Amino acid sequence: MSHAPSLPLDVRGIESLLPHRYPFLLVDRVVEFEPRKRVLAYKNVSCNEPFFTGHFPGNPVMPGVLVVEALAQAGGLLTQLTAQAEGVSKTGEKLFYLVKVDNAKFMKMVVPGDRLELEVELKRHIRNMAMYSGIARVDGEQVACADIVCAEAQA
């Protein structure tokens, strides 16, 4: 039995699919989803983000590694939403870990007030591994991209 998610998916729905919580949940909303293909999600970057305290005082910039982490979390949502849509969801039972990042590039700084658009495509899914290609944009302009591999934790 399949169950297509109701979009947009808010933080409560995201928390039902990912184990991350404040201050490390880096996706606020899912607005588009195609099973086994792609997801489009948002992260609203607030001046109150805890990492801005030290990165950098007086000149706040979202760390690039956290932009990549946001893309990885969006990829996890793509995998979990696909499982849910195909009726094989084991929400809360599976944990996925970031195991590889390739071709990460940062074109522009992400600053308070930006809405980070996280577009992630599933490139391959083999056994317990998923390979994603992610692009992060602000106002339609690419600010970062990366190829990401995540693996399901073995019990």
Protein backbone atom coordinates (compact mmCIF):
# COMPACT_ATOMS: atom_id res chain seq x y z
CA MET A 1 0.00 0.00 0.00
CA SER A 2 1.43 3.37 -0.98
CA HIS A 3 0.99 6.64 0.80
CA ALA A 4 1.99 9.79 -1.05
CA PRO A 5 3.14 12.53 1.32
CA SER A 6 1.08 15.66 1.62
CA LEU A 7 3.14 18.66 0.53
CA PRO A 8 4.41 21.00 1.72
CA LEU A 9 5.87 18.87 4.49
CA ASP A 10 6.57 20.94 7.61
CA VAL A 11 9.10 20.50 10.41
CA ARG A 12 6.87 18.07 12.32
CA GLY A 13 6.62 15.85 9.26
CA ILE A 14 10.37 16.14 8.67
CA GLU A 15 11.08 15.16 12.29
CA SER A 16 8.99 12.02 11.78
CA LEU A 17 11.37 11.00 8.98
CA LEU A 18 14.81 12.17 10.17
CA PRO A 19 16.53 11.65 13.53
CA HIS A 20 18.07 15.16 13.52
CA ARG A 21 16.88 17.79 15.99
CA TYR A 22 17.78 21.37 16.91
CA PRO A 23 20.39 22.68 16.43
CA PHE A 24 21.27 20.17 13.74
CA LEU A 25 18.03 19.77 11.79
CA LEU A 26 18.85 21.80 8.69
CA VAL A 27 15.66 21.36 6.62
CA ASP A 28 12.50 23.33 7.40
CA ARG A 29 10.12 22.36 4.61
CA VAL A 30 9.76 19.96 1.67
CA VAL A 31 7.90 21.51 -1.27
CA GLU A 32 8.44 19.08 -4.16
CA PHE A 33 8.99 15.34 -4.27
CA GLU A 34 9.23 12.70 -7.00
CA PRO A 35 9.76 9.15 -5.67
CA ARG A 36 13.18 7.70 -6.55
CA LYS A 37 14.04 10.91 -8.41
CA ARG A 38 14.25 14.25 -6.63
CA VAL A 39 13.25 16.47 -3.74
CA LEU A 40 13.16 20.22 -3.27
CA ALA A 41 13.40 21.47 0.30
CA TYR A 42 14.06 24.74 2.11
CA LYS A 43 16.20 25.85 5.02
CA ASN A 44 15.37 29.32 6.31
CA VAL A 45 18.64 30.79 7.54
CA SER A 46 17.96 32.94 10.60
CA CYS A 47 20.30 35.36 12.33
CA ASN A 48 19.64 33.24 15.45
CA GLU A 49 21.48 30.15 14.14
CA PRO A 50 23.90 28.99 16.86
CA PHE A 51 26.84 28.63 14.45
CA PHE A 52 26.78 32.36 13.63
CA THR A 53 28.11 33.15 17.12
CA GLY A 54 31.57 31.97 16.10
CA HIS A 55 31.38 31.91 12.27
CA PHE A 56 32.12 34.81 12.12
CA PRO A 57 31.51 37.46 14.81
CA GLY A 58 30.33 40.61 13.05
CA ASN A 59 30.27 38.85 9.66
CA PRO A 60 27.91 35.83 9.92
CA VAL A 61 28.37 33.15 7.24
CA MET A 62 26.79 29.68 7.23
CA PRO A 63 29.63 27.12 7.23
CA GLY A 64 29.94 25.31 3.90
CA VAL A 65 30.00 21.93 5.62
CA LEU A 66 26.54 22.71 7.05
CA VAL A 67 25.24 23.56 3.56
CA VAL A 68 26.47 20.11 2.47
CA GLU A 69 24.87 18.57 5.57
CA ALA A 70 21.57 20.25 4.65
CA LEU A 71 21.82 18.67 1.17
CA ALA A 72 22.52 15.28 2.78
CA GLN A 73 19.47 15.65 5.05
CA ALA A 74 17.34 16.51 2.01
CA GLY A 75 18.68 13.33 0.39
CA GLY A 76 17.66 11.37 3.48
CA LEU A 77 14.18 12.85 3.16
CA LEU A 78 14.06 11.76 -0.49
CA THR A 79 14.89 8.19 0.56
CA GLN A 80 12.42 8.17 3.47
CA LEU A 81 9.60 9.78 1.46
CA THR A 82 10.16 7.29 -1.36
CA ALA A 83 9.89 4.39 1.11
CA GLN A 84 6.72 5.94 2.52
CA ALA A 85 5.22 6.47 -0.96
CA GLU A 86 6.00 2.86 -1.88
CA GLY A 87 4.51 1.53 1.34
CA VAL A 88 7.78 0.12 2.69
CA SER A 89 8.44 2.82 5.26
CA LYS A 90 10.06 1.82 8.52
CA THR A 91 10.18 5.36 9.84
CA GLY A 92 12.33 5.69 12.90
CA GLU A 93 13.86 2.24 12.44
CA LYS A 94 16.49 3.11 9.85
CA LEU A 95 19.50 5.36 10.36
CA PHE A 96 21.53 6.65 7.43
CA TYR A 97 25.02 8.06 7.74
CA LEU A 98 26.99 10.33 5.45
CA VAL A 99 29.92 8.29 4.15
CA LYS A 100 31.31 10.31 1.24
CA VAL A 101 31.22 13.77 -0.26
CA ASP A 102 32.69 14.44 -3.72
CA ASN A 103 32.92 17.49 -5.94
CA ALA A 104 31.81 19.95 -3.26
CA LYS A 105 31.94 23.49 -4.57
CA PHE A 106 30.98 26.77 -2.90
CA MET A 107 30.14 29.70 -5.15
CA LYS A 108 28.60 32.22 -2.77
CA MET A 109 28.26 32.78 0.96
CA VAL A 110 24.99 31.94 2.74
CA VAL A 111 24.05 34.63 5.26
CA PRO A 112 21.21 35.42 7.68
CA GLY A 113 17.95 36.10 5.87
CA ASP A 114 18.68 33.70 3.02
CA ARG A 115 16.30 30.89 2.13
CA LEU A 116 18.47 27.96 1.13
CA GLU A 117 16.83 25.94 -1.65
CA LEU A 118 18.01 22.34 -1.49
CA GLU A 119 17.48 20.37 -4.69
CA VAL A 120 18.65 16.78 -4.47
CA GLU A 121 18.47 14.05 -7.12
CA LEU A 122 18.92 10.35 -6.47
CA LYS A 123 21.61 9.10 -8.86
CA ARG A 124 21.82 5.47 -7.70
CA HIS A 125 20.52 3.25 -4.94
CA ILE A 126 22.44 0.03 -4.41
CA ARG A 127 21.61 -2.23 -1.47
CA ASN A 128 22.09 -0.04 1.62
CA MET A 129 23.79 2.87 -0.19
CA ALA A 130 22.28 5.92 -1.88
CA MET A 131 24.15 8.31 -4.13
CA TYR A 132 22.78 11.84 -4.50
CA SER A 133 23.64 14.94 -6.45
CA GLY A 134 22.70 18.16 -4.65
CA ILE A 135 22.52 21.82 -5.58
CA ALA A 136 21.94 24.58 -3.04
CA ARG A 137 20.54 27.89 -4.28
CA VAL A 138 19.56 31.24 -2.80
CA ASP A 139 17.10 33.33 -4.83
CA GLY A 140 17.56 30.93 -7.75
CA GLU A 141 21.35 31.41 -7.82
CA GLN A 142 23.57 28.41 -7.13
CA VAL A 143 25.61 28.83 -3.94
CA ALA A 144 26.96 25.28 -3.51
CA CYS A 145 26.81 21.77 -4.91
CA ALA A 146 28.07 18.30 -3.95
CA ASP A 147 27.79 14.61 -4.74
CA ILE A 148 26.87 12.72 -1.58
CA VAL A 149 26.84 9.06 -0.59
CA CYS A 150 24.85 7.87 2.42
CA ALA A 151 24.63 4.36 3.85
CA GLU A 152 22.05 2.68 6.04
CA ALA A 153 23.51 1.62 9.36
CA GLN A 154 23.87 -2.12 9.74
CA ALA A 155 22.22 -3.54 12.84
